C-alpha atoms as a PDB file:
ATOM      1  CA  MET A   1     -66.446 -14.860  35.608  1.00  0.00           C
ATOM      2  CA  LEU A   2     -64.218 -17.888  36.649  1.00  0.00           C
ATOM      3  CA  LEU A   3     -63.992 -20.398  33.818  1.00  0.00           C
ATOM      4  CA  HIS A   4     -63.281 -17.282  31.278  1.00  0.00           C
ATOM      5  CA  GLN A   5     -60.318 -16.615  33.715  1.00  0.00           C
ATOM      6  CA  PRO A   6     -57.785 -19.009  32.258  1.00  0.00           C
ATOM      7  CA  ILE A   7     -58.301 -17.215  28.630  1.00  0.00           C
ATOM      8  CA  TYR A   8     -58.004 -13.744  29.462  1.00  0.00           C
ATOM      9  CA  SER A   9     -54.866 -14.601  30.959  1.00  0.00           C
ATOM     10  CA  ALA A  10     -53.949 -16.566  28.206  1.00  0.00           C
ATOM     11  CA  THR A  11     -54.320 -13.703  25.509  1.00  0.00           C
ATOM     12  CA  VAL A  12     -52.620 -11.473  27.570  1.00  0.00           C
ATOM     13  CA  ALA A  13     -49.655 -13.337  28.401  1.00  0.00           C
ATOM     14  CA  GLY A  14     -48.627 -14.517  24.679  1.00  0.00           C
ATOM     15  CA  PRO A  15     -47.806 -11.163  23.353  1.00  0.00           C
ATOM     16  CA  ARG A  16     -45.710 -10.460  26.811  1.00  0.00           C
ATOM     17  CA  ARG A  17     -43.998 -14.077  26.081  1.00  0.00           C
ATOM     18  CA  TYR A  18     -43.227 -12.568  22.281  1.00  0.00           C
ATOM     19  CA  VAL A  19     -41.770  -9.288  23.411  1.00  0.00           C
ATOM     20  CA  LEU A  20     -39.297 -10.504  25.613  1.00  0.00           C
ATOM     21  CA  LEU A  21     -38.153 -13.468  22.626  1.00  0.00           C
ATOM     22  CA  LEU A  22     -37.443 -10.663  20.439  1.00  0.00           C
ATOM     23  CA  PRO A  23     -34.409  -9.225  22.236  1.00  0.00           C
ATOM     24  CA  THR A  24     -33.792 -12.740  22.986  1.00  0.00           C
ATOM     25  CA  LEU A  25     -33.039 -13.357  19.436  1.00  0.00           C
ATOM     26  CA  LEU A  26     -31.418 -10.494  18.730  1.00  0.00           C
ATOM     27  CA  LEU A  27     -28.638 -10.787  21.032  1.00  0.00           C
ATOM     28  CA  LEU A  28     -28.478 -14.473  19.793  1.00  0.00           C
ATOM     29  CA  LEU A  29     -27.826 -13.558  16.702  1.00  0.00           C
ATOM     30  CA  LEU A  30     -25.645 -10.781  17.355  1.00  0.00           C
ATOM     31  CA  VAL A  31     -23.272 -13.912  19.173  1.00  0.00           C
ATOM     32  CA  LEU A  32     -23.706 -16.399  16.572  1.00  0.00           C
ATOM     33  CA  TRP A  33     -23.106 -13.886  13.656  1.00  0.00           C
ATOM     34  CA  PRO A  34     -19.550 -13.811  13.455  1.00  0.00           C
ATOM     35  CA  PRO A  35     -19.188 -18.275  13.884  1.00  0.00           C
ATOM     36  CA  LEU A  36     -22.315 -18.159  11.251  1.00  0.00           C
ATOM     37  CA  TRP A  37     -20.450 -16.320   8.786  1.00  0.00           C
ATOM     38  CA  TRP A  38     -17.025 -17.574   9.566  1.00  0.00           C
ATOM     39  CA  TYR A  39     -19.118 -21.710   8.724  1.00  0.00           C
ATOM     40  CA  VAL A  40     -20.195 -20.279   5.177  1.00  0.00           C
ATOM     41  CA  VAL A  41     -17.592 -18.280   3.918  1.00  0.00           C
ATOM     42  CA  ARG A  42     -15.551 -21.698   4.689  1.00  0.00           C
ATOM     43  CA  SER A  43     -17.844 -23.644   3.078  1.00  0.00           C
ATOM     44  CA  GLY A  44     -18.378 -21.687   0.209  1.00  0.00           C
ATOM     45  CA  TYR A  45     -14.289 -21.505  -0.592  1.00  0.00           C
ATOM     46  CA  ALA A  46     -14.735 -25.647  -0.213  1.00  0.00           C
ATOM     47  CA  LEU A  47     -16.603 -25.171  -3.558  1.00  0.00           C
ATOM     48  CA  LEU A  48     -13.950 -23.085  -5.407  1.00  0.00           C
ATOM     49  CA  PRO A  49     -11.365 -24.273  -6.906  1.00  0.00           C
ATOM     50  CA  PRO A  50      -8.067 -23.820  -5.611  1.00  0.00           C
ATOM     51  CA  PRO A  51      -5.882 -20.336  -5.907  1.00  0.00           C
ATOM     52  CA  GLU A  52      -3.764 -20.284  -8.258  1.00  0.00           C
ATOM     53  CA  LEU A  53      -0.491 -19.217  -6.187  1.00  0.00           C
ATOM     54  CA  SER A  54       3.149 -18.653  -6.626  1.00  0.00           C
ATOM     55  CA  ARG A  55       4.739 -21.997  -5.491  1.00  0.00           C
ATOM     56  CA  HIS A  56       8.073 -21.320  -6.866  1.00  0.00           C
ATOM     57  CA  TYR A  57       9.652 -19.718  -3.239  1.00  0.00           C
ATOM     58  CA  VAL A  58       8.598 -22.826  -1.152  1.00  0.00           C
ATOM     59  CA  VAL A  59      11.213 -25.020  -4.167  1.00  0.00           C
ATOM     60  CA  ASN A  60      13.635 -22.268  -4.012  1.00  0.00           C
ATOM     61  CA  ARG A  61      13.128 -19.187  -1.432  1.00  0.00           C
ATOM     62  CA  SER A  62      17.261 -17.291  -2.550  1.00  0.00           C
ATOM     63  CA  LEU A  63      16.311 -14.316  -3.996  1.00  0.00           C
ATOM     64  CA  GLN A  64      20.016 -13.747  -5.365  1.00  0.00           C
ATOM     65  CA  ASP A  65      18.884 -16.453  -7.666  1.00  0.00           C
ATOM     66  CA  TYR A  66      15.287 -14.747  -9.047  1.00  0.00           C
ATOM     67  CA  LEU A  67      17.381 -11.087  -9.126  1.00  0.00           C
ATOM     68  CA  ASP A  68      20.049 -12.964 -11.466  1.00  0.00           C
ATOM     69  CA  LYS A  69      17.371 -14.983 -14.123  1.00  0.00           C
ATOM     70  CA  ILE A  70      15.152 -11.866 -14.169  1.00  0.00           C
ATOM     71  CA  GLY A  71      16.632  -9.473 -17.476  1.00  0.00           C
ATOM     72  CA  ILE A  72      15.176  -5.911 -17.497  1.00  0.00           C
ATOM     73  CA  LEU A  73      13.226  -5.600 -20.890  1.00  0.00           C
ATOM     74  CA  LEU A  74      12.432  -1.764 -21.016  1.00  0.00           C
ATOM     75  CA  GLU A  75      14.423   1.074 -19.434  1.00  0.00           C
ATOM     76  CA  PRO A  76      14.061   4.906 -19.626  1.00  0.00           C
ATOM     77  CA  LYS A  77      16.930   6.109 -22.413  1.00  0.00           C
ATOM     78  CA  GLU A  78      18.199   9.118 -19.814  1.00  0.00           C
ATOM     79  CA  SER A  79      17.986   7.753 -16.379  1.00  0.00           C
ATOM     80  CA  PRO A  80      16.452  11.106 -13.712  1.00  0.00           C
ATOM     81  CA  CYS A  81      19.676  10.377 -12.220  1.00  0.00           C
ATOM     82  CA  GLY A  82      21.669  11.456 -15.245  1.00  0.00           C
ATOM     83  CA  PRO A  83      25.082  13.529 -14.757  1.00  0.00           C
ATOM     84  CA  GLY A  84      24.635  17.264 -13.168  1.00  0.00           C
ATOM     85  CA  LYS A  85      21.429  16.459 -12.091  1.00  0.00           C
ATOM     86  CA  ASP A  86      21.086  16.262  -8.324  1.00  0.00           C
ATOM     87  CA  ALA A  87      17.992  13.759  -6.606  1.00  0.00           C
ATOM     88  CA  PRO A  88      16.680  14.078  -3.198  1.00  0.00           C
ATOM     89  CA  ILE A  89      14.196  11.451  -3.877  1.00  0.00           C
ATOM     90  CA  ILE A  90      13.102   9.013  -6.773  1.00  0.00           C
ATOM     91  CA  ILE A  91       9.562   7.597  -6.407  1.00  0.00           C
ATOM     92  CA  MET A  92       9.186   3.684  -7.583  1.00  0.00           C
ATOM     93  CA  VAL A  93       5.340   2.897  -8.604  1.00  0.00           C
ATOM     94  CA  SER A  94       4.400  -0.417  -8.979  1.00  0.00           C
ATOM     95  CA  THR A  95       1.593  -1.227 -11.890  1.00  0.00           C
ATOM     96  CA  THR A  96       0.928  -3.544 -14.089  1.00  0.00           C
ATOM     97  CA  ALA A  97       0.425  -3.310 -17.631  1.00  0.00           C
ATOM     98  CA  PRO A  98      -3.611  -3.030 -17.904  1.00  0.00           C
ATOM     99  CA  ARG A  99      -3.334  -0.044 -15.117  1.00  0.00           C
ATOM    100  CA  THR A 100      -3.236   3.017 -17.765  1.00  0.00           C
ATOM    101  CA  GLY A 101      -5.525   4.979 -15.906  1.00  0.00           C
ATOM    102  CA  GLN A 102      -3.976   4.909 -12.907  1.00  0.00           C
ATOM    103  CA  ARG A 103      -0.672   6.103 -14.482  1.00  0.00           C
ATOM    104  CA  THR A 104      -2.113   8.535 -16.430  1.00  0.00           C
ATOM    105  CA  ALA A 105      -3.703  10.332 -13.653  1.00  0.00           C
ATOM    106  CA  VAL A 106      -0.206  10.160 -11.750  1.00  0.00           C
ATOM    107  CA  ARG A 107       2.029  11.609 -14.711  1.00  0.00           C
ATOM    108  CA  GLU A 108      -0.493  15.008 -15.026  1.00  0.00           C
ATOM    109  CA  THR A 109      -0.598  15.414 -11.056  1.00  0.00           C
ATOM    110  CA  TRP A 110       1.747  14.256  -8.339  1.00  0.00           C
ATOM    111  CA  GLY A 111       4.269  12.930 -11.080  1.00  0.00           C
ATOM    112  CA  LEU A 112       4.966  16.071 -12.487  1.00  0.00           C
ATOM    113  CA  TYR A 113       7.382  17.092  -9.773  1.00  0.00           C
ATOM    114  CA  GLN A 114       9.319  14.417  -8.601  1.00  0.00           C
ATOM    115  CA  PRO A 115      11.610  11.474 -10.284  1.00  0.00           C
ATOM    116  CA  THR A 116       8.998   9.462 -11.008  1.00  0.00           C
ATOM    117  CA  LEU A 117       9.386   5.517 -12.576  1.00  0.00           C
ATOM    118  CA  PHE A 118       6.268   2.766 -13.140  1.00  0.00           C
ATOM    119  CA  VAL A 119       7.994  -0.040 -12.541  1.00  0.00           C
ATOM    120  CA  MET A 120       5.888  -3.452 -14.049  1.00  0.00           C
ATOM    121  CA  GLY A 121       6.857  -7.059 -15.008  1.00  0.00           C
ATOM    122  CA  ILE A 122       4.614  -9.413 -17.728  1.00  0.00           C
ATOM    123  CA  TYR A 123       1.251  -9.478 -17.523  1.00  0.00           C
ATOM    124  CA  GLY A 124      -0.758 -11.944 -20.190  1.00  0.00           C
ATOM    125  CA  ASP A 125       0.765 -11.654 -23.406  1.00  0.00           C
ATOM    126  CA  ARG A 126       4.218 -10.748 -23.435  1.00  0.00           C
ATOM    127  CA  ASP A 127       4.552  -9.973 -27.038  1.00  0.00           C
ATOM    128  CA  LYS A 128       1.323  -7.679 -26.932  1.00  0.00           C
ATOM    129  CA  GLN A 129       2.190  -6.129 -23.847  1.00  0.00           C
ATOM    130  CA  LEU A 130       6.076  -4.696 -25.053  1.00  0.00           C
ATOM    131  CA  ALA A 131       4.035  -3.702 -27.999  1.00  0.00           C
ATOM    132  CA  GLU A 132       1.785  -1.406 -25.749  1.00  0.00           C
ATOM    133  CA  ASN A 133       4.935  -0.832 -23.491  1.00  0.00           C
ATOM    134  CA  ILE A 134       7.250   0.594 -26.636  1.00  0.00           C
ATOM    135  CA  ARG A 135       4.265   3.166 -27.634  1.00  0.00           C
ATOM    136  CA  GLU A 136       3.807   3.790 -24.091  1.00  0.00           C
ATOM    137  CA  ALA A 137       7.636   4.320 -23.468  1.00  0.00           C
ATOM    138  CA  GLU A 138       8.433   6.693 -26.154  1.00  0.00           C
ATOM    139  CA  GLU A 139       6.087   9.044 -25.146  1.00  0.00           C
ATOM    140  CA  TYR A 140       6.213   9.275 -21.301  1.00  0.00           C
ATOM    141  CA  HIS A 141       9.982   8.035 -21.033  1.00  0.00           C
ATOM    142  CA  ASP A 142       9.423   6.893 -17.759  1.00  0.00           C
ATOM    143  CA  LEU A 143       8.433   2.687 -17.717  1.00  0.00           C
ATOM    144  CA  LEU A 144      10.673   0.090 -16.636  1.00  0.00           C
ATOM    145  CA  VAL A 145       9.519  -3.173 -18.041  1.00  0.00           C
ATOM    146  CA  PHE A 146      11.244  -6.201 -16.163  1.00  0.00           C
ATOM    147  CA  ASP A 147      11.509  -9.992 -17.625  1.00  0.00           C
ATOM    148  CA  PHE A 148       9.357 -11.884 -14.667  1.00  0.00           C
ATOM    149  CA  ARG A 149       5.783 -12.602 -14.491  1.00  0.00           C
ATOM    150  CA  ASP A 150       3.869  -9.683 -12.561  1.00  0.00           C
ATOM    151  CA  GLN A 151       1.382 -11.734 -10.222  1.00  0.00           C
ATOM    152  CA  LYS A 152       0.381 -10.185  -6.412  1.00  0.00           C
ATOM    153  CA  GLU A 153       2.705 -13.287  -5.432  1.00  0.00           C
ATOM    154  CA  ASN A 154       5.779 -11.860  -6.791  1.00  0.00           C
ATOM    155  CA  GLN A 155       5.941  -8.181  -5.372  1.00  0.00           C
ATOM    156  CA  THR A 156       9.266  -9.154  -3.563  1.00  0.00           C
ATOM    157  CA  LEU A 157      10.713  -9.180  -6.194  1.00  0.00           C
ATOM    158  CA  LYS A 158       9.644  -5.925  -7.889  1.00  0.00           C
ATOM    159  CA  THR A 159      10.547  -3.744  -5.075  1.00  0.00           C
ATOM    160  CA  ALA A 160      14.175  -5.588  -4.894  1.00  0.00           C
ATOM    161  CA  LEU A 161      14.020  -4.563  -8.904  1.00  0.00           C
ATOM    162  CA  MET A 162      13.201  -1.070  -7.916  1.00  0.00           C
ATOM    163  CA  MET A 163      16.155  -1.317  -4.934  1.00  0.00           C
ATOM    164  CA  LYS A 164      18.695  -2.417  -7.550  1.00  0.00           C
ATOM    165  CA  TYR A 165      17.584  -0.059 -10.826  1.00  0.00           C
ATOM    166  CA  THR A 166      18.023   2.560  -7.933  1.00  0.00           C
ATOM    167  CA  LEU A 167      21.650   1.805  -6.540  1.00  0.00           C
ATOM    168  CA  LEU A 168      22.857   1.664 -10.226  1.00  0.00           C
ATOM    169  CA  ARG A 169      21.403   4.237 -12.120  1.00  0.00           C
ATOM    170  CA  CYS A 170      20.199   6.218  -9.970  1.00  0.00           C
ATOM    171  CA  PRO A 171      22.863   6.120  -6.776  1.00  0.00           C
ATOM    172  CA  ILE A 172      22.523   9.850  -5.658  1.00  0.00           C
ATOM    173  CA  ALA A 173      19.112   9.287  -4.873  1.00  0.00           C
ATOM    174  CA  HIS A 174      19.201  10.583  -1.018  1.00  0.00           C
ATOM    175  CA  PHE A 175      15.667   8.705  -0.603  1.00  0.00           C
ATOM    176  CA  MET A 176      13.797   6.082  -2.808  1.00  0.00           C
ATOM    177  CA  LEU A 177       9.949   5.948  -2.254  1.00  0.00           C
ATOM    178  CA  LYS A 178       8.423   3.066  -2.940  1.00  0.00           C
ATOM    179  CA  THR A 179       4.853   3.390  -3.583  1.00  0.00           C
ATOM    180  CA  GLN A 180       2.155   2.515  -5.986  1.00  0.00           C
ATOM    181  CA  ASP A 181      -0.392   3.754  -8.892  1.00  0.00           C
ATOM    182  CA  ASN A 182      -2.928   4.389  -6.622  1.00  0.00           C
ATOM    183  CA  ALA A 183      -1.343   6.516  -3.990  1.00  0.00           C
ATOM    184  CA  MET A 184      -1.441  10.179  -3.611  1.00  0.00           C
ATOM    185  CA  VAL A 185       1.521  11.984  -3.126  1.00  0.00           C
ATOM    186  CA  ASN A 186       2.233  15.403  -2.107  1.00  0.00           C
ATOM    187  CA  PRO A 187       5.751  16.515  -3.196  1.00  0.00           C
ATOM    188  CA  TRP A 188       5.489  19.489  -0.433  1.00  0.00           C
ATOM    189  CA  MET A 189       5.022  17.589   2.287  1.00  0.00           C
ATOM    190  CA  LEU A 190       6.831  14.257   1.175  1.00  0.00           C
ATOM    191  CA  ASN A 191       9.442  16.748   0.977  1.00  0.00           C
ATOM    192  CA  LYS A 192       9.267  18.284   4.449  1.00  0.00           C
ATOM    193  CA  VAL A 193       8.962  14.646   5.634  1.00  0.00           C
ATOM    194  CA  ILE A 194      12.421  13.438   4.350  1.00  0.00           C
ATOM    195  CA  TRP A 195      13.975  16.868   5.955  1.00  0.00           C
ATOM    196  CA  GLN A 196      12.572  15.651   9.452  1.00  0.00           C
ATOM    197  CA  HIS A 197      13.781  12.112   8.999  1.00  0.00           C
ATOM    198  CA  LEU A 198      17.313  13.038   6.718  1.00  0.00           C
ATOM    199  CA  ASP A 199      19.393  10.445   9.085  1.00  0.00           C
ATOM    200  CA  ARG A 200      17.069   7.420   9.570  1.00  0.00           C
ATOM    201  CA  PRO A 201      17.184   4.494   7.222  1.00  0.00           C
ATOM    202  CA  LEU A 202      13.719   3.584   6.938  1.00  0.00           C
ATOM    203  CA  VAL A 203      10.586   5.280   7.328  1.00  0.00           C
ATOM    204  CA  GLY A 204       6.338   5.154   6.777  1.00  0.00           C
ATOM    205  CA  TYR A 205       3.426   4.111   8.398  1.00  0.00           C
ATOM    206  CA  ALA A 206       4.517   1.403  10.952  1.00  0.00           C
ATOM    207  CA  LEU A 207       1.648  -1.319  11.503  1.00  0.00           C
ATOM    208  CA  ASN A 208       2.273  -3.182  14.966  1.00  0.00           C
ATOM    209  CA  ASP A 209       1.389  -6.619  16.021  1.00  0.00           C
ATOM    210  CA  THR A 210      -0.306  -7.678  12.820  1.00  0.00           C
ATOM    211  CA  HIS A 211      -1.468 -11.311  12.187  1.00  0.00           C
ATOM    212  CA  LEU A 212      -0.377 -12.934   8.541  1.00  0.00           C
ATOM    213  CA  LEU A 213      -3.202 -14.052   7.114  1.00  0.00           C
ATOM    214  CA  ARG A 214      -3.073 -17.968   6.356  1.00  0.00           C
ATOM    215  CA  ASP A 215      -6.244 -17.971   4.316  1.00  0.00           C
ATOM    216  CA  GLU A 216      -5.651 -18.481   0.577  1.00  0.00           C
ATOM    217  CA  TYR A 217      -8.533 -17.228  -0.649  1.00  0.00           C
ATOM    218  CA  ARG A 218      -7.551 -13.610   0.736  1.00  0.00           C
ATOM    219  CA  LYS A 219      -4.917 -10.862  -0.301  1.00  0.00           C
ATOM    220  CA  GLY A 220      -1.661 -10.494   1.605  1.00  0.00           C
ATOM    221  CA  TYR A 221      -2.559 -14.934   2.285  1.00  0.00           C
ATOM    222  CA  ASN A 222       0.664 -15.905   3.834  1.00  0.00           C
ATOM    223  CA  ALA A 223       1.533 -19.854   2.810  1.00  0.00           C
ATOM    224  CA  GLY A 224       5.226 -20.230   4.420  1.00  0.00           C
ATOM    225  CA  LYS A 225       5.341 -21.344   8.206  1.00  0.00           C
ATOM    226  CA  ARG A 226       8.912 -20.747   8.586  1.00  0.00           C
ATOM    227  CA  TYR A 227       8.211 -17.208  10.427  1.00  0.00           C
ATOM    228  CA  ASP A 228       5.478 -17.149  13.542  1.00  0.00           C
ATOM    229  CA  ASP A 229       1.910 -15.714  12.341  1.00  0.00           C
ATOM    230  CA  GLU A 230       2.522 -12.590  14.250  1.00  0.00           C
ATOM    231  CA  MET A 231       4.722  -9.729  12.907  1.00  0.00           C
ATOM    232  CA  PRO A 232       6.026  -6.949  16.169  1.00  0.00           C
ATOM    233  CA  THR A 233       6.292  -4.007  13.820  1.00  0.00           C
ATOM    234  CA  TYR A 234       6.827  -3.472   9.577  1.00  0.00           C
ATOM    235  CA  LEU A 235       6.011  -0.786   7.049  1.00  0.00           C
ATOM    236  CA  SER A 236       3.249  -0.801   5.196  1.00  0.00           C
ATOM    237  CA  GLY A 237       3.681  -1.299   1.617  1.00  0.00           C
ATOM    238  CA  ALA A 238       1.273   1.261   0.255  1.00  0.00           C
ATOM    239  CA  GLY A 239       3.967   3.844   0.622  1.00  0.00           C
ATOM    240  CA  TYR A 240       7.608   4.255   2.437  1.00  0.00           C
ATOM    241  CA  LEU A 241      10.907   5.821   2.325  1.00  0.00           C
ATOM    242  CA  ILE A 242      14.816   4.253   2.110  1.00  0.00           C
ATOM    243  CA  LYS A 243      17.642   5.981   2.828  1.00  0.00           C
ATOM    244  CA  GLY A 244      19.895   6.046  -0.056  1.00  0.00           C
ATOM    245  CA  GLU A 245      22.841   4.973   1.806  1.00  0.00           C
ATOM    246  CA  TYR A 246      20.749   2.102   2.774  1.00  0.00           C
ATOM    247  CA  ILE A 247      19.764   0.193  -0.506  1.00  0.00           C
ATOM    248  CA  GLU A 248      22.755  -1.398  -0.612  1.00  0.00           C
ATOM    249  CA  HIS A 249      22.748  -3.037   2.648  1.00  0.00           C
ATOM    250  CA  ILE A 250      19.473  -4.098   3.000  1.00  0.00           C
ATOM    251  CA  LEU A 251      19.767  -6.364  -0.845  1.00  0.00           C
ATOM    252  CA  ARG A 252      23.189  -7.602   0.383  1.00  0.00           C
ATOM    253  CA  GLY A 253      20.953  -8.972   3.729  1.00  0.00           C
ATOM    254  CA  ALA A 254      18.153  -9.907   1.798  1.00  0.00           C
ATOM    255  CA  LEU A 255      20.343 -12.856   0.184  1.00  0.00           C
ATOM    256  CA  HIS A 256      20.906 -14.321   3.957  1.00  0.00           C
ATOM    257  CA  VAL A 257      16.798 -14.459   4.100  1.00  0.00           C
ATOM    258  CA  PRO A 258      14.557 -16.385   2.949  1.00  0.00           C
ATOM    259  CA  ILE A 259      12.084 -14.815   0.217  1.00  0.00           C
ATOM    260  CA  VAL A 260       8.673 -14.240   1.016  1.00  0.00           C
ATOM    261  CA  HIS A 261       6.305 -12.684  -1.314  1.00  0.00           C
ATOM    262  CA  LEU A 262       4.952  -9.807   1.302  1.00  0.00           C
ATOM    263  CA  GLU A 263       7.196  -7.811   0.315  1.00  0.00           C
ATOM    264  CA  ASP A 264       6.950  -5.185   2.709  1.00  0.00           C
ATOM    265  CA  VAL A 265       7.036  -7.577   5.526  1.00  0.00           C
ATOM    266  CA  TYR A 266      10.034  -9.187   4.377  1.00  0.00           C
ATOM    267  CA  PHE A 267      12.328  -5.655   3.323  1.00  0.00           C
ATOM    268  CA  THR A 268      11.200  -3.419   6.486  1.00  0.00           C
ATOM    269  CA  TYR A 269      10.653  -6.420   9.014  1.00  0.00           C
ATOM    270  CA  LEU A 270      12.578  -9.881   8.042  1.00  0.00           C
ATOM    271  CA  VAL A 271      15.486  -8.008   6.408  1.00  0.00           C
ATOM    272  CA  ALA A 272      15.870  -4.346   7.209  1.00  0.00           C
ATOM    273  CA  HIS A 273      14.856  -4.947  11.018  1.00  0.00           C
ATOM    274  CA  LYS A 274      14.768  -8.561  12.361  1.00  0.00           C
ATOM    275  CA  HIS A 275      18.234  -9.284   9.985  1.00  0.00           C
ATOM    276  CA  LEU A 276      20.217  -5.574   9.993  1.00  0.00           C
ATOM    277  CA  GLY A 277      18.955  -4.165  13.454  1.00  0.00           C
ATOM    278  CA  LEU A 278      17.397  -1.117  11.371  1.00  0.00           C
ATOM    279  CA  VAL A 279      15.451   1.467  12.952  1.00  0.00           C
ATOM    280  CA  LEU A 280      11.719   1.818  11.376  1.00  0.00           C
ATOM    281  CA  THR A 281      10.643   5.293  12.163  1.00  0.00           C
ATOM    282  CA  HIS A 282       6.455   5.952  11.966  1.00  0.00           C
ATOM    283  CA  ASP A 283       5.191   8.593   9.909  1.00  0.00           C
ATOM    284  CA  SER A 284       1.793   8.568   9.751  1.00  0.00           C
ATOM    285  CA  ARG A 285       2.149  10.897   6.456  1.00  0.00           C
ATOM    286  CA  LEU A 286       2.685   8.019   4.548  1.00  0.00           C
ATOM    287  CA  SER A 287      -1.100   6.709   5.469  1.00  0.00           C
ATOM    288  CA  PRO A 288      -1.694   3.391   3.792  1.00  0.00           C
ATOM    289  CA  PHE A 289      -5.098   5.195   3.896  1.00  0.00           C
ATOM    290  CA  LYS A 290      -7.928   6.731   2.204  1.00  0.00           C
ATOM    291  CA  PRO A 291      -9.186   9.620   3.784  1.00  0.00           C
ATOM    292  CA  TRP A 292     -13.071   9.880   4.366  1.00  0.00           C
ATOM    293  CA  TRP A 293     -12.945  13.701   4.386  1.00  0.00           C
ATOM    294  CA  LYS A 294     -12.197  15.160   1.288  1.00  0.00           C
ATOM    295  CA  ALA A 295     -11.001  18.546   1.971  1.00  0.00           C
ATOM    296  CA  GLY A 296      -7.927  20.227   1.014  1.00  0.00           C
ATOM    297  CA  CYS A 297      -6.515  20.571   4.200  1.00  0.00           C
ATOM    298  CA  VAL A 298      -6.706  16.744   4.943  1.00  0.00           C
ATOM    299  CA  TYR A 299      -5.311  15.491   1.444  1.00  0.00           C
ATOM    300  CA  TRP A 300      -2.678  18.576   2.423  1.00  0.00           C
ATOM    301  CA  ASN A 301      -1.500  17.346   5.554  1.00  0.00           C
ATOM    302  CA  PHE A 302      -0.181  13.845   4.019  1.00  0.00           C
ATOM    303  CA  ALA A 303       2.581  13.107   2.074  1.00  0.00           C
ATOM    304  CA  SER A 304       0.929  10.199   0.788  1.00  0.00           C
ATOM    305  CA  LEU A 305      -2.640   8.787   0.772  1.00  0.00           C
ATOM    306  CA  HIS A 306      -3.368   5.143  -0.589  1.00  0.00           C
ATOM    307  CA  GLY A 307      -6.378   3.142  -2.598  1.00  0.00           C
ATOM    308  CA  LEU A 308      -7.462   5.586  -5.055  1.00  0.00           C
ATOM    309  CA  THR A 309      -8.898   5.628  -8.062  1.00  0.00           C
ATOM    310  CA  PRO A 310      -7.799   8.033 -11.108  1.00  0.00           C
ATOM    311  CA  ALA A 311     -10.938  10.588 -10.165  1.00  0.00           C
ATOM    312  CA  GLU A 312      -9.727  10.838  -6.833  1.00  0.00           C
ATOM    313  CA  ILE A 313      -6.547  11.597  -7.759  1.00  0.00           C
ATOM    314  CA  TYR A 314      -7.510  14.249 -10.069  1.00  0.00           C
ATOM    315  CA  HIS A 315     -10.073  15.917  -7.455  1.00  0.00           C
ATOM    316  CA  ALA A 316      -6.952  15.334  -4.249  1.00  0.00           C
ATOM    317  CA  TRP A 317      -4.363  16.976  -6.849  1.00  0.00           C
ATOM    318  CA  SER A 318      -7.108  19.773  -7.818  1.00  0.00           C
ATOM    319  CA  CYS A 319      -7.721  20.703  -4.060  1.00  0.00           C
ATOM    320  CA  ILE A 320      -3.722  20.715  -3.527  1.00  0.00           C
ATOM    321  CA  GLU A 321      -3.048  22.848  -6.425  1.00  0.00           C
ATOM    322  CA  THR A 322      -5.958  25.525  -5.351  1.00  0.00           C
ATOM    323  CA  LEU A 323      -3.831  25.885  -1.538  1.00  0.00           C
ATOM    324  CA  ILE A 324      -0.898  26.731  -2.825  1.00  0.00           C
ATOM    325  CA  SER A 325      -2.335  28.754  -6.027  1.00  0.00           C
ATOM    326  CA  LYS A 326      -4.483  30.906  -3.542  1.00  0.00           C
ATOM    327  CA  TYR A 327      -1.589  31.167  -0.210  1.00  0.00           C
ATOM    328  CA  LYS A 328       0.770  31.071  -2.267  1.00  0.00           C
ATOM    329  CA  THR A 329       3.559  30.135  -0.305  1.00  0.00           C
ATOM    330  CA  ILE A 330       4.055  26.585   2.077  1.00  0.00           C
ATOM    331  CA  ALA A 331       4.124  28.564   5.144  1.00  0.00           C
ATOM    332  CA  GLY A 332       0.605  30.540   4.320  1.00  0.00           C
ATOM    333  CA  VAL A 333      -1.085  26.401   3.293  1.00  0.00           C
ATOM    334  CA  CYS A 334       0.318  25.207   7.073  1.00  0.00           C
ATOM    335  CA  GLN A 335      -1.533  28.351   8.504  1.00  0.00           C
ATOM    336  CA  TYR A 336      -4.747  27.249   6.492  1.00  0.00           C
ATOM    337  CA  PHE A 337      -3.889  24.272   7.460  1.00  0.00           C
ATOM    338  CA  ASN A 338      -3.829  24.801  11.204  1.00  0.00           C
ATOM    339  CA  TYR A 339      -7.211  26.868  10.759  1.00  0.00           C
ATOM    340  CA  CYS A 340      -8.721  24.420   8.853  1.00  0.00           C
ATOM    341  CA  PHE A 341      -8.129  21.509  11.079  1.00  0.00           C
ATOM    342  CA  GLY A 342      -8.805  23.646  14.552  1.00  0.00           C
ATOM    343  CA  TRP A 343     -12.614  24.318  12.984  1.00  0.00           C
ATOM    344  CA  PHE A 344     -12.810  19.947  12.497  1.00  0.00           C
ATOM    345  CA  MET A 345     -11.629  19.137  16.042  1.00  0.00           C
ATOM    346  CA  ALA A 346     -13.945  21.427  17.294  1.00  0.00           C
ATOM    347  CA  LEU A 347     -16.569  20.384  15.456  1.00  0.00           C
ATOM    348  CA  ALA A 348     -15.665  16.929  16.159  1.00  0.00           C
ATOM    349  CA  VAL A 349     -15.976  17.837  20.032  1.00  0.00           C
ATOM    350  CA  TYR A 350     -18.947  18.953  19.523  1.00  0.00           C
END
């Protein structure tokens, strides 16, 4: 019997070792996964060709020099701020030539309720694009096409051109909303936000203590080393308001600040806040996010949302229109929202 005892102990201890080894391996995997993933991604980048980036900011960092060389190729024959018109707000939508579906969704929904212009540069074949743009402009009268290369590194130039056009063609606008063609704007809530911040120079969703990306393969990459990696605060470029009387101040201030291609960091923090000392007002209703709960009361509570497909814009707009038609007045919709939000919070707690 004693001769068989060691064999029996080994057979019992073996499975126990495996049982203890499994959680140890899982723990090691959790700990080592982030550095392993980073190594794999960086090794993959090494096999890729260098990304195509705009390098002209490295040679020339003067915004004025670029604006002097960029002409306008196409604009509406009649300004939305013409004689006899009141323009409490003008909405400037950043877009590119191929994104016709996004522009159509905006035109058929929230774009009907506010003066809205789509701003783009040259994307691809110049002559072919202009021919298509002319047909689109003749039908909708809401295109601004400028003579510059339309790429993500040139968003700062595009935003500067929005402000310049507003200053020249729509100086009576009380506010300019800079946004994108994948945004959903609630005109009723937007007007409420404006009335609550009438004396504020810039209003948007504030991002605090954000680190600039130094990874050239990722969206938002910042190559310049002139500024620190961490930005104390700036307003998300998904959608922010500029009070009309401050547009000229910001453009003039930008002449003294070297340009970077992160337009929201450049205009709201480096120029407006740091150089001019303007206060940035945070309002979570100008959201750079897309809600996970797709209900009418959620859409109603935001002045703008970001990252929506055309189908999602149509859906969100139908929810808002349903609330308006059902409750008739803004006060009625707000009462419904408070009831709906109360139930949501109760469900979240329990």
